[in-house]
Amino acid sequence: MAKILIVDDSATELHVLAKILQQAGHQPLTAADGEAGIAAAKSQSPDAILMDVVMPGINGFQATRKLSRDPKTRHIPVLMVTTKDQETDREWGMRQGAKGYLVKPVDSGELLHQIDELLR
């Protein structure tokens, strides 16, 4: 059972992703924006992070960059989970330090597969 932080400004998305994780035996943690996500990553030390991109304040690209460059959090793999489906978005997310990229709406099987890969 892994502790997985979901960072998304949509309450619906947080609920859906948390339910998928719970049913798979994981422990979901949630944060409603990039700043809260960075703080939660530092204080909760999750095993992985699911990061939305489009959020108020610090967006998911900026939050991922901060997490991947911070010695306290850079070991935590980030999976971008977003509506931004352009190849340039995917490349930019990976350049910021993301280890994977999924486009919403996510297939629960693919999401869990990607999480399993990140946790290896």
PDB file of N, CA and C in Angstrom:
ATOM      1  N   MET A   1       0.845  -1.188   0.000  1.00  0.00           N
ATOM      2  CA  MET A   1       0.000   0.000   0.000  1.00  0.00           C
ATOM      3  C   MET A   1       0.883   1.242   0.000  1.00  0.00           C
ATOM      4  N   ALA A   2       0.702   2.070  -1.003  1.00  0.00           N
ATOM      5  CA  ALA A   2       1.502   3.286  -1.113  1.00  0.00           C
ATOM      6  C   ALA A   2       0.683   4.506  -0.706  1.00  0.00           C
ATOM      7  N   LYS A   3       1.390   5.495  -0.210  1.00  0.00           N
ATOM      8  CA  LYS A   3       0.789   6.785   0.135  1.00  0.00           C
ATOM      9  C   LYS A   3       0.966   7.664  -1.108  1.00  0.00           C
ATOM     10  N   ILE A   4      -0.152   8.081  -1.716  1.00  0.00           N
ATOM     11  CA  ILE A   4      -0.093   8.836  -2.969  1.00  0.00           C
ATOM     12  C   ILE A   4      -0.810  10.168  -2.820  1.00  0.00           C
ATOM     13  N   LEU A   5      -0.089  11.234  -3.122  1.00  0.00           N
ATOM     14  CA  LEU A   5      -0.627  12.589  -3.040  1.00  0.00           C
ATOM     15  C   LEU A   5      -1.247  12.977  -4.374  1.00  0.00           C
ATOM     16  N   ILE A   6      -2.512  13.413  -4.331  1.00  0.00           N
ATOM     17  CA  ILE A   6      -3.211  13.898  -5.521  1.00  0.00           C
ATOM     18  C   ILE A   6      -3.290  15.416  -5.407  1.00  0.00           C
ATOM     19  N   VAL A   7      -2.756  16.123  -6.407  1.00  0.00           N
ATOM     20  CA  VAL A   7      -2.783  17.586  -6.411  1.00  0.00           C
ATOM     21  C   VAL A   7      -3.667  18.026  -7.580  1.00  0.00           C
ATOM     22  N   ASP A   8      -4.845  18.555  -7.270  1.00  0.00           N
ATOM     23  CA  ASP A   8      -5.799  18.958  -8.307  1.00  0.00           C
ATOM     24  C   ASP A   8      -6.769  19.965  -7.710  1.00  0.00           C
ATOM     25  N   ASP A   9      -7.122  20.995  -8.470  1.00  0.00           N
ATOM     26  CA  ASP A   9      -8.047  22.008  -7.965  1.00  0.00           C
ATOM     27  C   ASP A   9      -9.512  21.625  -8.146  1.00  0.00           C
ATOM     28  N   SER A  10      -9.795  20.494  -8.773  1.00  0.00           N
ATOM     29  CA  SER A  10     -11.168  20.021  -8.965  1.00  0.00           C
ATOM     30  C   SER A  10     -11.537  19.020  -7.878  1.00  0.00           C
ATOM     31  N   ALA A  11     -12.553  19.374  -7.077  1.00  0.00           N
ATOM     32  CA  ALA A  11     -13.006  18.470  -6.009  1.00  0.00           C
ATOM     33  C   ALA A  11     -13.491  17.151  -6.598  1.00  0.00           C
ATOM     34  N   THR A  12     -14.132  17.208  -7.753  1.00  0.00           N
ATOM     35  CA  THR A  12     -14.622  15.997  -8.414  1.00  0.00           C
ATOM     36  C   THR A  12     -13.458  15.101  -8.804  1.00  0.00           C
ATOM     37  N   GLU A  13     -12.436  15.687  -9.411  1.00  0.00           N
ATOM     38  CA  GLU A  13     -11.258  14.933  -9.837  1.00  0.00           C
ATOM     39  C   GLU A  13     -10.540  14.315  -8.627  1.00  0.00           C
ATOM     40  N   LEU A  14     -10.415  15.092  -7.549  1.00  0.00           N
ATOM     41  CA  LEU A  14      -9.793  14.572  -6.321  1.00  0.00           C
ATOM     42  C   LEU A  14     -10.559  13.344  -5.826  1.00  0.00           C
ATOM     43  N   HIS A  15     -11.889  13.441  -5.825  1.00  0.00           N
ATOM     44  CA  HIS A  15     -12.729  12.343  -5.347  1.00  0.00           C
ATOM     45  C   HIS A  15     -12.575  11.103  -6.233  1.00  0.00           C
ATOM     46  N   VAL A  16     -12.644  11.302  -7.550  1.00  0.00           N
ATOM     47  CA  VAL A  16     -12.552  10.173  -8.490  1.00  0.00           C
ATOM     48  C   VAL A  16     -11.192   9.474  -8.368  1.00  0.00           C
ATOM     49  N   LEU A  17     -10.116  10.254  -8.378  1.00  0.00           N
ATOM     50  CA  LEU A  17      -8.773   9.665  -8.295  1.00  0.00           C
ATOM     51  C   LEU A  17      -8.551   8.990  -6.945  1.00  0.00           C
ATOM     52  N   ALA A  18      -9.018   9.617  -5.862  1.00  0.00           N
ATOM     53  CA  ALA A  18      -8.865   9.029  -4.526  1.00  0.00           C
ATOM     54  C   ALA A  18      -9.598   7.689  -4.441  1.00  0.00           C
ATOM     55  N   LYS A  19     -10.782   7.616  -5.044  1.00  0.00           N
ATOM     56  CA  LYS A  19     -11.568   6.377  -5.019  1.00  0.00           C
ATOM     57  C   LYS A  19     -10.832   5.258  -5.762  1.00  0.00           C
ATOM     58  N   ILE A  20     -10.263   5.588  -6.932  1.00  0.00           N
ATOM     59  CA  ILE A  20      -9.493   4.598  -7.705  1.00  0.00           C
ATOM     60  C   ILE A  20      -8.316   4.081  -6.868  1.00  0.00           C
ATOM     61  N   LEU A  21      -7.611   5.003  -6.216  1.00  0.00           N
ATOM     62  CA  LEU A  21      -6.454   4.617  -5.406  1.00  0.00           C
ATOM     63  C   LEU A  21      -6.870   3.762  -4.208  1.00  0.00           C
ATOM     64  N   GLN A  22      -7.938   4.163  -3.520  1.00  0.00           N
ATOM     65  CA  GLN A  22      -8.417   3.408  -2.352  1.00  0.00           C
ATOM     66  C   GLN A  22      -8.804   1.992  -2.749  1.00  0.00           C
ATOM     67  N   GLN A  23      -9.526   1.859  -3.855  1.00  0.00           N
ATOM     68  CA  GLN A  23      -9.967   0.534  -4.302  1.00  0.00           C
ATOM     69  C   GLN A  23      -8.785  -0.362  -4.650  1.00  0.00           C
ATOM     70  N   ALA A  24      -7.665   0.251  -5.016  1.00  0.00           N
ATOM     71  CA  ALA A  24      -6.459  -0.516  -5.344  1.00  0.00           C
ATOM     72  C   ALA A  24      -5.587  -0.753  -4.109  1.00  0.00           C
ATOM     73  N   GLY A  25      -6.059  -0.277  -2.945  1.00  0.00           N
ATOM     74  CA  GLY A  25      -5.331  -0.518  -1.709  1.00  0.00           C
ATOM     75  C   GLY A  25      -4.319   0.549  -1.335  1.00  0.00           C
ATOM     76  N   HIS A  26      -4.329   1.675  -2.056  1.00  0.00           N
ATOM     77  CA  HIS A  26      -3.401   2.761  -1.748  1.00  0.00           C
ATOM     78  C   HIS A  26      -4.050   3.753  -0.778  1.00  0.00           C
ATOM     79  N   GLN A  27      -3.212   4.561  -0.157  1.00  0.00           N
ATOM     80  CA  GLN A  27      -3.684   5.599   0.757  1.00  0.00           C
ATOM     81  C   GLN A  27      -3.579   6.949   0.049  1.00  0.00           C
ATOM     82  N   PRO A  28      -4.733   7.534  -0.369  1.00  0.00           N
ATOM     83  CA  PRO A  28      -4.661   8.830  -1.047  1.00  0.00           C
ATOM     84  C   PRO A  28      -4.573  10.000  -0.071  1.00  0.00           C
ATOM     85  N   LEU A  29      -3.765  10.979  -0.441  1.00  0.00           N
ATOM     86  CA  LEU A  29      -3.699  12.258   0.265  1.00  0.00           C
ATOM     87  C   LEU A  29      -4.096  13.281  -0.798  1.00  0.00           C
ATOM     88  N   THR A  30      -4.681  14.404  -0.399  1.00  0.00           N
ATOM     89  CA  THR A  30      -5.097  15.383  -1.399  1.00  0.00           C
ATOM     90  C   THR A  30      -4.618  16.788  -1.071  1.00  0.00           C
ATOM     91  N   ALA A  31      -4.439  17.569  -2.145  1.00  0.00           N
ATOM     92  CA  ALA A  31      -4.102  18.986  -2.042  1.00  0.00           C
ATOM     93  C   ALA A  31      -4.822  19.692  -3.188  1.00  0.00           C
ATOM     94  N   ALA A  32      -5.400  20.866  -2.897  1.00  0.00           N
ATOM     95  CA  ALA A  32      -6.261  21.550  -3.862  1.00  0.00           C
ATOM     96  C   ALA A  32      -5.541  22.532  -4.787  1.00  0.00           C
ATOM     97  N   ASP A  33      -4.237  22.706  -4.625  1.00  0.00           N
ATOM     98  CA  ASP A  33      -3.482  23.566  -5.546  1.00  0.00           C
ATOM     99  C   ASP A  33      -1.994  23.249  -5.437  1.00  0.00           C
ATOM    100  N   GLY A  34      -1.214  23.870  -6.328  1.00  0.00           N
ATOM    101  CA  GLY A  34       0.214  23.577  -6.388  1.00  0.00           C
ATOM    102  C   GLY A  34       0.962  23.885  -5.111  1.00  0.00           C
ATOM    103  N   GLU A  35       0.642  25.023  -4.499  1.00  0.00           N
ATOM    104  CA  GLU A  35       1.329  25.411  -3.269  1.00  0.00           C
ATOM    105  C   GLU A  35       1.044  24.418  -2.142  1.00  0.00           C
ATOM    106  N   ALA A  36      -0.227  24.042  -1.999  1.00  0.00           N
ATOM    107  CA  ALA A  36      -0.598  23.061  -0.966  1.00  0.00           C
ATOM    108  C   ALA A  36       0.029  21.703  -1.276  1.00  0.00           C
ATOM    109  N   GLY A  37       0.156  21.396  -2.571  1.00  0.00           N
ATOM    110  CA  GLY A  37       0.772  20.139  -2.971  1.00  0.00           C
ATOM    111  C   GLY A  37       2.240  20.071  -2.587  1.00  0.00           C
ATOM    112  N   ILE A  38       2.953  21.170  -2.794  1.00  0.00           N
ATOM    113  CA  ILE A  38       4.372  21.234  -2.415  1.00  0.00           C
ATOM    114  C   ILE A  38       4.508  21.077  -0.903  1.00  0.00           C
ATOM    115  N   ALA A  39       3.669  21.785  -0.159  1.00  0.00           N
ATOM    116  CA  ALA A  39       3.715  21.702   1.309  1.00  0.00           C
ATOM    117  C   ALA A  39       3.398  20.285   1.789  1.00  0.00           C
ATOM    118  N   ALA A  40       2.383  19.659   1.185  1.00  0.00           N
ATOM    119  CA  ALA A  40       1.999  18.297   1.580  1.00  0.00           C
ATOM    120  C   ALA A  40       3.106  17.296   1.234  1.00  0.00           C
ATOM    121  N   ALA A  41       3.754  17.488   0.091  1.00  0.00           N
ATOM    122  CA  ALA A  41       4.845  16.583  -0.292  1.00  0.00           C
ATOM    123  C   ALA A  41       5.971  16.647   0.728  1.00  0.00           C
ATOM    124  N   LYS A  42       6.265  17.845   1.208  1.00  0.00           N
ATOM    125  CA  LYS A  42       7.334  18.015   2.194  1.00  0.00           C
ATOM    126  C   LYS A  42       6.949  17.452   3.556  1.00  0.00           C
ATOM    127  N   SER A  43       5.703  17.655   3.973  1.00  0.00           N
ATOM    128  CA  SER A  43       5.296  17.225   5.312  1.00  0.00           C
ATOM    129  C   SER A  43       4.851  15.766   5.371  1.00  0.00           C
ATOM    130  N   GLN A  44       4.255  15.257   4.304  1.00  0.00           N
ATOM    131  CA  GLN A  44       3.698  13.887   4.309  1.00  0.00           C
ATOM    132  C   GLN A  44       4.621  12.846   3.676  1.00  0.00           C
ATOM    133  N   SER A  45       5.593  13.297   2.889  1.00  0.00           N
ATOM    134  CA  SER A  45       6.529  12.409   2.202  1.00  0.00           C
ATOM    135  C   SER A  45       5.828  11.222   1.523  1.00  0.00           C
ATOM    136  N   PRO A  46       4.964  11.524   0.523  1.00  0.00           N
ATOM    137  CA  PRO A  46       4.247  10.436  -0.154  1.00  0.00           C
ATOM    138  C   PRO A  46       5.183   9.592  -1.014  1.00  0.00           C
ATOM    139  N   ASP A  47       4.703   8.422  -1.414  1.00  0.00           N
ATOM    140  CA  ASP A  47       5.482   7.523  -2.267  1.00  0.00           C
ATOM    141  C   ASP A  47       5.444   7.969  -3.732  1.00  0.00           C
ATOM    142  N   ALA A  48       4.374   8.695  -4.107  1.00  0.00           N
ATOM    143  CA  ALA A  48       4.219   9.211  -5.470  1.00  0.00           C
ATOM    144  C   ALA A  48       3.232  10.372  -5.436  1.00  0.00           C
ATOM    145  N   ILE A  49       3.244  11.171  -6.515  1.00  0.00           N
ATOM    146  CA  ILE A  49       2.358  12.333  -6.617  1.00  0.00           C
ATOM    147  C   ILE A  49       1.658  12.316  -7.963  1.00  0.00           C
ATOM    148  N   LEU A  50       0.336  12.524  -7.959  1.00  0.00           N
ATOM    149  CA  LEU A  50      -0.442  12.723  -9.177  1.00  0.00           C
ATOM    150  C   LEU A  50      -0.670  14.223  -9.276  1.00  0.00           C
ATOM    151  N   MET A  51      -0.173  14.856 -10.337  1.00  0.00           N
ATOM    152  CA  MET A  51      -0.166  16.320 -10.434  1.00  0.00           C
ATOM    153  C   MET A  51      -0.977  16.821 -11.624  1.00  0.00           C
ATOM    154  N   ASP A  52      -2.005  17.625 -11.331  1.00  0.00           N
ATOM    155  CA  ASP A  52      -2.740  18.335 -12.380  1.00  0.00           C
ATOM    156  C   ASP A  52      -1.841  19.456 -12.888  1.00  0.00           C
ATOM    157  N   VAL A  53      -2.144  20.007 -14.051  1.00  0.00           N
ATOM    158  CA  VAL A  53      -1.348  21.119 -14.572  1.00  0.00           C
ATOM    159  C   VAL A  53      -2.060  22.451 -14.371  1.00  0.00           C
ATOM    160  N   VAL A  54      -3.308  22.534 -14.835  1.00  0.00           N
ATOM    161  CA  VAL A  54      -4.034  23.801 -14.811  1.00  0.00           C
ATOM    162  C   VAL A  54      -4.658  24.023 -13.430  1.00  0.00           C
ATOM    163  N   MET A  55      -4.003  24.886 -12.633  1.00  0.00           N
ATOM    164  CA  MET A  55      -4.472  25.202 -11.282  1.00  0.00           C
ATOM    165  C   MET A  55      -4.166  26.673 -11.012  1.00  0.00           C
ATOM    166  N   PRO A  56      -4.933  27.288 -10.107  1.00  0.00           N
ATOM    167  CA  PRO A  56      -4.638  28.684  -9.755  1.00  0.00           C
ATOM    168  C   PRO A  56      -3.320  28.783  -8.977  1.00  0.00           C
ATOM    169  N   GLY A  57      -2.697  29.938  -9.039  1.00  0.00           N
ATOM    170  CA  GLY A  57      -1.424  30.129  -8.325  1.00  0.00           C
ATOM    171  C   GLY A  57      -0.316  29.375  -9.035  1.00  0.00           C
ATOM    172  N   ILE A  58       0.365  28.531  -8.302  1.00  0.00           N
ATOM    173  CA  ILE A  58       1.449  27.721  -8.877  1.00  0.00           C
ATOM    174  C   ILE A  58       0.820  26.585  -9.683  1.00  0.00           C
ATOM    175  N   ASN A  59       1.099  26.538 -11.001  1.00  0.00           N
ATOM    176  CA  ASN A  59       0.520  25.454 -11.799  1.00  0.00           C
ATOM    177  C   ASN A  59       1.316  24.155 -11.608  1.00  0.00           C
ATOM    178  N   GLY A  60       0.825  23.093 -12.198  1.00  0.00           N
ATOM    179  CA  GLY A  60       1.455  21.790 -12.010  1.00  0.00           C
ATOM    180  C   GLY A  60       2.864  21.686 -12.560  1.00  0.00           C
ATOM    181  N   PHE A  61       3.147  22.391 -13.656  1.00  0.00           N
ATOM    182  CA  PHE A  61       4.510  22.389 -14.191  1.00  0.00           C
ATOM    183  C   PHE A  61       5.465  23.037 -13.191  1.00  0.00           C
ATOM    184  N   GLN A  62       5.055  24.189 -12.649  1.00  0.00           N
ATOM    185  CA  GLN A  62       5.895  24.906 -11.683  1.00  0.00           C
ATOM    186  C   GLN A  62       6.079  24.091 -10.407  1.00  0.00           C
ATOM    187  N   ALA A  63       4.999  23.481  -9.922  1.00  0.00           N
ATOM    188  CA  ALA A  63       5.075  22.679  -8.693  1.00  0.00           C
ATOM    189  C   ALA A  63       5.985  21.473  -8.897  1.00  0.00           C
ATOM    190  N   THR A  64       5.860  20.822 -10.055  1.00  0.00           N
ATOM    191  CA  THR A  64       6.707  19.656 -10.351  1.00  0.00           C
ATOM    192  C   THR A  64       8.175  20.065 -10.397  1.00  0.00           C
ATOM    193  N   ARG A  65       8.457  21.204 -11.026  1.00  0.00           N
ATOM    194  CA  ARG A  65       9.837  21.695 -11.094  1.00  0.00           C
ATOM    195  C   ARG A  65      10.384  21.938  -9.688  1.00  0.00           C
ATOM    196  N   LYS A  66       9.592  22.595  -8.832  1.00  0.00           N
ATOM    197  CA  LYS A  66      10.044  22.864  -7.458  1.00  0.00           C
ATOM    198  C   LYS A  66      10.302  21.561  -6.697  1.00  0.00           C
ATOM    199  N   LEU A  67       9.393  20.604  -6.839  1.00  0.00           N
ATOM    200  CA  LEU A  67       9.546  19.330  -6.135  1.00  0.00           C
ATOM    201  C   LEU A  67      10.756  18.549  -6.636  1.00  0.00           C
ATOM    202  N   SER A  68      10.968  18.561  -7.947  1.00  0.00           N
ATOM    203  CA  SER A  68      12.073  17.765  -8.505  1.00  0.00           C
ATOM    204  C   SER A  68      13.440  18.387  -8.237  1.00  0.00           C
ATOM    205  N   ARG A  69      13.460  19.661  -7.862  1.00  0.00           N
ATOM    206  CA  ARG A  69      14.737  20.320  -7.574  1.00  0.00           C
ATOM    207  C   ARG A  69      15.027  20.453  -6.088  1.00  0.00           C
ATOM    208  N   ASP A  70      14.060  20.096  -5.256  1.00  0.00           N
ATOM    209  CA  ASP A  70      14.236  20.207  -3.810  1.00  0.00           C
ATOM    210  C   ASP A  70      14.809  18.891  -3.273  1.00  0.00           C
ATOM    211  N   PRO A  71      15.961  18.939  -2.575  1.00  0.00           N
ATOM    212  CA  PRO A  71      16.570  17.704  -2.059  1.00  0.00           C
ATOM    213  C   PRO A  71      15.616  16.890  -1.170  1.00  0.00           C
ATOM    214  N   LYS A  72      14.671  17.561  -0.527  1.00  0.00           N
ATOM    215  CA  LYS A  72      13.748  16.870   0.378  1.00  0.00           C
ATOM    216  C   LYS A  72      12.653  16.103  -0.372  1.00  0.00           C
ATOM    217  N   THR A  73      12.367  16.496  -1.620  1.00  0.00           N
ATOM    218  CA  THR A  73      11.253  15.879  -2.347  1.00  0.00           C
ATOM    219  C   THR A  73      11.630  15.297  -3.714  1.00  0.00           C
ATOM    220  N   ARG A  74      12.856  15.481  -4.157  1.00  0.00           N
ATOM    221  CA  ARG A  74      13.185  15.075  -5.529  1.00  0.00           C
ATOM    222  C   ARG A  74      13.127  13.560  -5.756  1.00  0.00           C
ATOM    223  N   HIS A  75      13.148  12.778  -4.689  1.00  0.00           N
ATOM    224  CA  HIS A  75      13.053  11.323  -4.827  1.00  0.00           C
ATOM    225  C   HIS A  75      11.615  10.846  -5.072  1.00  0.00           C
ATOM    226  N   ILE A  76      10.623  11.740  -4.897  1.00  0.00           N
ATOM    227  CA  ILE A  76       9.216  11.361  -5.042  1.00  0.00           C
ATOM    228  C   ILE A  76       8.825  11.470  -6.523  1.00  0.00           C
ATOM    229  N   PRO A  77       8.425  10.360  -7.156  1.00  0.00           N
ATOM    230  CA  PRO A  77       8.051  10.428  -8.572  1.00  0.00           C
ATOM    231  C   PRO A  77       6.722  11.165  -8.764  1.00  0.00           C
ATOM    232  N   VAL A  78       6.681  12.008  -9.801  1.00  0.00           N
ATOM    233  CA  VAL A  78       5.476  12.774 -10.128  1.00  0.00           C
ATOM    234  C   VAL A  78       4.894  12.269 -11.444  1.00  0.00           C
ATOM    235  N   LEU A  79       3.602  11.984 -11.428  1.00  0.00           N
ATOM    236  CA  LEU A  79       2.863  11.597 -12.630  1.00  0.00           C
ATOM    237  C   LEU A  79       1.903  12.733 -12.944  1.00  0.00           C
ATOM    238  N   MET A  80       2.085  13.389 -14.091  1.00  0.00           N
ATOM    239  CA  MET A  80       1.176  14.457 -14.494  1.00  0.00           C
ATOM    240  C   MET A  80      -0.140  13.813 -14.918  1.00  0.00           C
ATOM    241  N   VAL A  81      -1.257  14.337 -14.417  1.00  0.00           N
ATOM    242  CA  VAL A  81      -2.592  13.854 -14.778  1.00  0.00           C
ATOM    243  C   VAL A  81      -3.387  15.110 -15.136  1.00  0.00           C
ATOM    244  N   THR A  82      -3.571  15.355 -16.435  1.00  0.00           N
ATOM    245  CA  THR A  82      -4.053  16.651 -16.891  1.00  0.00           C
ATOM    246  C   THR A  82      -4.905  16.576 -18.151  1.00  0.00           C
ATOM    247  N   THR A  83      -5.610  17.646 -18.435  1.00  0.00           N
ATOM    248  CA  THR A  83      -6.366  17.753 -19.686  1.00  0.00           C
ATOM    249  C   THR A  83      -5.480  18.254 -20.817  1.00  0.00           C
ATOM    250  N   LYS A  84      -4.282  18.742 -20.509  1.00  0.00           N
ATOM    251  CA  LYS A  84      -3.370  19.286 -21.523  1.00  0.00           C
ATOM    252  C   LYS A  84      -2.772  18.117 -22.303  1.00  0.00           C
ATOM    253  N   ASP A  85      -3.251  17.953 -23.552  1.00  0.00           N
ATOM    254  CA  ASP A  85      -2.880  16.743 -24.294  1.00  0.00           C
ATOM    255  C   ASP A  85      -1.975  16.972 -25.499  1.00  0.00           C
ATOM    256  N   GLN A  86      -1.352  18.129 -25.582  1.00  0.00           N
ATOM    257  CA  GLN A  86      -0.417  18.376 -26.682  1.00  0.00           C
ATOM    258  C   GLN A  86       0.934  17.731 -26.388  1.00  0.00           C
ATOM    259  N   GLU A  87       1.633  17.314 -27.422  1.00  0.00           N
ATOM    260  CA  GLU A  87       2.950  16.701 -27.248  1.00  0.00           C
ATOM    261  C   GLU A  87       3.917  17.671 -26.563  1.00  0.00           C
ATOM    262  N   THR A  88       3.791  18.972 -26.874  1.00  0.00           N
ATOM    263  CA  THR A  88       4.668  19.968 -26.241  1.00  0.00           C
ATOM    264  C   THR A  88       4.412  20.040 -24.730  1.00  0.00           C
ATOM    265  N   ASP A  89       3.150  19.856 -24.321  1.00  0.00           N
ATOM    266  CA  ASP A  89       2.822  19.836 -22.886  1.00  0.00           C
ATOM    267  C   ASP A  89       3.486  18.639 -22.216  1.00  0.00           C
ATOM    268  N   ARG A  90       3.375  17.502 -22.871  1.00  0.00           N
ATOM    269  CA  ARG A  90       3.974  16.263 -22.337  1.00  0.00           C
ATOM    270  C   ARG A  90       5.493  16.436 -22.186  1.00  0.00           C
ATOM    271  N   GLU A  91       6.122  16.942 -23.235  1.00  0.00           N
ATOM    272  CA  GLU A  91       7.572  17.146 -23.191  1.00  0.00           C
ATOM    273  C   GLU A  91       7.958  18.140 -22.089  1.00  0.00           C
ATOM    274  N   TRP A  92       7.191  19.224 -21.971  1.00  0.00           N
ATOM    275  CA  TRP A  92       7.489  20.236 -20.957  1.00  0.00           C
ATOM    276  C   TRP A  92       7.337  19.640 -19.555  1.00  0.00           C
ATOM    277  N   GLY A  93       6.285  18.851 -19.348  1.00  0.00           N
ATOM    278  CA  GLY A  93       6.080  18.200 -18.053  1.00  0.00           C
ATOM    279  C   GLY A  93       7.249  17.300 -17.685  1.00  0.00           C
ATOM    280  N   MET A  94       7.733  16.541 -18.648  1.00  0.00           N
ATOM    281  CA  MET A  94       8.857  15.641 -18.396  1.00  0.00           C
ATOM    282  C   MET A  94      10.140  16.441 -18.120  1.00  0.00           C
ATOM    283  N   ARG A  95      10.287  17.559 -18.800  1.00  0.00           N
ATOM    284  CA  ARG A  95      11.473  18.403 -18.566  1.00  0.00           C
ATOM    285  C   ARG A  95      11.445  19.030 -17.180  1.00  0.00           C
ATOM    286  N   GLN A  96      10.260  19.192 -16.606  1.00  0.00           N
ATOM    287  CA  GLN A  96      10.149  19.770 -15.264  1.00  0.00           C
ATOM    288  C   GLN A  96      10.429  18.732 -14.183  1.00  0.00           C
ATOM    289  N   GLY A  97      10.522  17.470 -14.590  1.00  0.00           N
ATOM    290  CA  GLY A  97      10.849  16.420 -13.633  1.00  0.00           C
ATOM    291  C   GLY A  97       9.799  15.331 -13.486  1.00  0.00           C
ATOM    292  N   ALA A  98       8.698  15.420 -14.237  1.00  0.00           N
ATOM    293  CA  ALA A  98       7.677  14.370 -14.158  1.00  0.00           C
ATOM    294  C   ALA A  98       8.237  13.052 -14.687  1.00  0.00           C
ATOM    295  N   LYS A  99       7.771  11.961 -14.125  1.00  0.00           N
ATOM    296  CA  LYS A  99       8.219  10.624 -14.549  1.00  0.00           C
ATOM    297  C   LYS A  99       7.199   9.955 -15.460  1.00  0.00           C
ATOM    298  N   GLY A 100       6.008  10.572 -15.588  1.00  0.00           N
ATOM    299  CA  GLY A 100       4.966  10.027 -16.447  1.00  0.00           C
ATOM    300  C   GLY A 100       3.936  11.097 -16.729  1.00  0.00           C
ATOM    301  N   TYR A 101       3.051  10.822 -17.707  1.00  0.00           N
ATOM    302  CA  TYR A 101       2.090  11.835 -18.143  1.00  0.00           C
ATOM    303  C   TYR A 101       0.837  11.128 -18.646  1.00  0.00           C
ATOM    304  N   LEU A 102      -0.297  11.411 -18.021  1.00  0.00           N
ATOM    305  CA  LEU A 102      -1.582  10.858 -18.457  1.00  0.00           C
ATOM    306  C   LEU A 102      -2.551  11.998 -18.740  1.00  0.00           C
ATOM    307  N   VAL A 103      -3.401  11.791 -19.749  1.00  0.00           N
ATOM    308  CA  VAL A 103      -4.390  12.803 -20.111  1.00  0.00           C
ATOM    309  C   VAL A 103      -5.756  12.393 -19.560  1.00  0.00           C
ATOM    310  N   LYS A 104      -6.454  13.373 -18.957  1.00  0.00           N
ATOM    311  CA  LYS A 104      -7.800  13.151 -18.427  1.00  0.00           C
ATOM    312  C   LYS A 104      -8.793  13.095 -19.584  1.00  0.00           C
ATOM    313  N   PRO A 105      -9.879  12.347 -19.443  1.00  0.00           N
ATOM    314  CA  PRO A 105     -10.177  11.480 -18.309  1.00  0.00           C
ATOM    315  C   PRO A 105      -9.284  10.242 -18.341  1.00  0.00           C
ATOM    316  N   VAL A 106      -8.745   9.877 -17.189  1.00  0.00           N
ATOM    317  CA  VAL A 106      -7.811   8.755 -17.139  1.00  0.00           C
ATOM    318  C   VAL A 106      -8.545   7.424 -17.054  1.00  0.00           C
ATOM    319  N   ASP A 107      -7.951   6.431 -17.672  1.00  0.00           N
ATOM    320  CA  ASP A 107      -8.421   5.062 -17.550  1.00  0.00           C
ATOM    321  C   ASP A 107      -7.839   4.530 -16.242  1.00  0.00           C
ATOM    322  N   SER A 108      -8.686   4.000 -15.370  1.00  0.00           N
ATOM    323  CA  SER A 108      -8.201   3.570 -14.052  1.00  0.00           C
ATOM    324  C   SER A 108      -7.123   2.498 -14.151  1.00  0.00           C
ATOM    325  N   GLY A 109      -7.266   1.579 -15.105  1.00  0.00           N
ATOM    326  CA  GLY A 109      -6.253   0.539 -15.291  1.00  0.00           C
ATOM    327  C   GLY A 109      -4.904   1.117 -15.685  1.00  0.00           C
ATOM    328  N   GLU A 110      -4.919   2.075 -16.605  1.00  0.00           N
ATOM    329  CA  GLU A 110      -3.676   2.719 -17.048  1.00  0.00           C
ATOM    330  C   GLU A 110      -3.062   3.526 -15.909  1.00  0.00           C
ATOM    331  N   LEU A 111      -3.907   4.214 -15.141  1.00  0.00           N
ATOM    332  CA  LEU A 111      -3.418   4.992 -14.000  1.00  0.00           C
ATOM    333  C   LEU A 111      -2.712   4.080 -13.003  1.00  0.00           C
ATOM    334  N   LEU A 112      -3.346   2.970 -12.653  1.00  0.00           N
ATOM    335  CA  LEU A 112      -2.750   2.053 -11.674  1.00  0.00           C
ATOM    336  C   LEU A 112      -1.480   1.399 -12.223  1.00  0.00           C
ATOM    337  N   HIS A 113      -1.472   1.123 -13.529  1.00  0.00           N
ATOM    338  CA  HIS A 113      -0.266   0.568 -14.156  1.00  0.00           C
ATOM    339  C   HIS A 113       0.893   1.562 -14.053  1.00  0.00           C
ATOM    340  N   GLN A 114       0.612   2.832 -14.379  1.00  0.00           N
ATOM    341  CA  GLN A 114       1.655   3.866 -14.312  1.00  0.00           C
ATOM    342  C   GLN A 114       2.160   4.022 -12.878  1.00  0.00           C
ATOM    343  N   ILE A 115       1.253   3.993 -11.908  1.00  0.00           N
ATOM    344  CA  ILE A 115       1.644   4.106 -10.499  1.00  0.00           C
ATOM    345  C   ILE A 115       2.537   2.939 -10.100  1.00  0.00           C
ATOM    346  N   ASP A 116       2.146   1.728 -10.510  1.00  0.00           N
ATOM    347  CA  ASP A 116       2.978   0.552 -10.214  1.00  0.00           C
ATOM    348  C   ASP A 116       4.383   0.718 -10.783  1.00  0.00           C
ATOM    349  N   GLU A 117       4.479   1.245 -12.003  1.00  0.00           N
ATOM    350  CA  GLU A 117       5.788   1.476 -12.627  1.00  0.00           C
ATOM    351  C   GLU A 117       6.604   2.484 -11.822  1.00  0.00           C
ATOM    352  N   LEU A 118       5.952   3.548 -11.367  1.00  0.00           N
ATOM    353  CA  LEU A 118       6.653   4.583 -10.602  1.00  0.00           C
ATOM    354  C   LEU A 118       7.170   4.056  -9.268  1.00  0.00           C
ATOM    355  N   LEU A 119       6.434   3.140  -8.667  1.00  0.00           N
ATOM    356  CA  LEU A 119       6.775   2.655  -7.334  1.00  0.00           C
ATOM    357  C   LEU A 119       7.849   1.582  -7.338  1.00  0.00           C
ATOM    358  N   ARG A 120       8.238   1.083  -8.509  1.00  0.00           N
ATOM    359  CA  ARG A 120       9.269   0.028  -8.589  1.00  0.00           C
ATOM    360  C   ARG A 120      10.637   0.564  -8.265  1.00  0.00           C
TER     361      ARG A 120
END
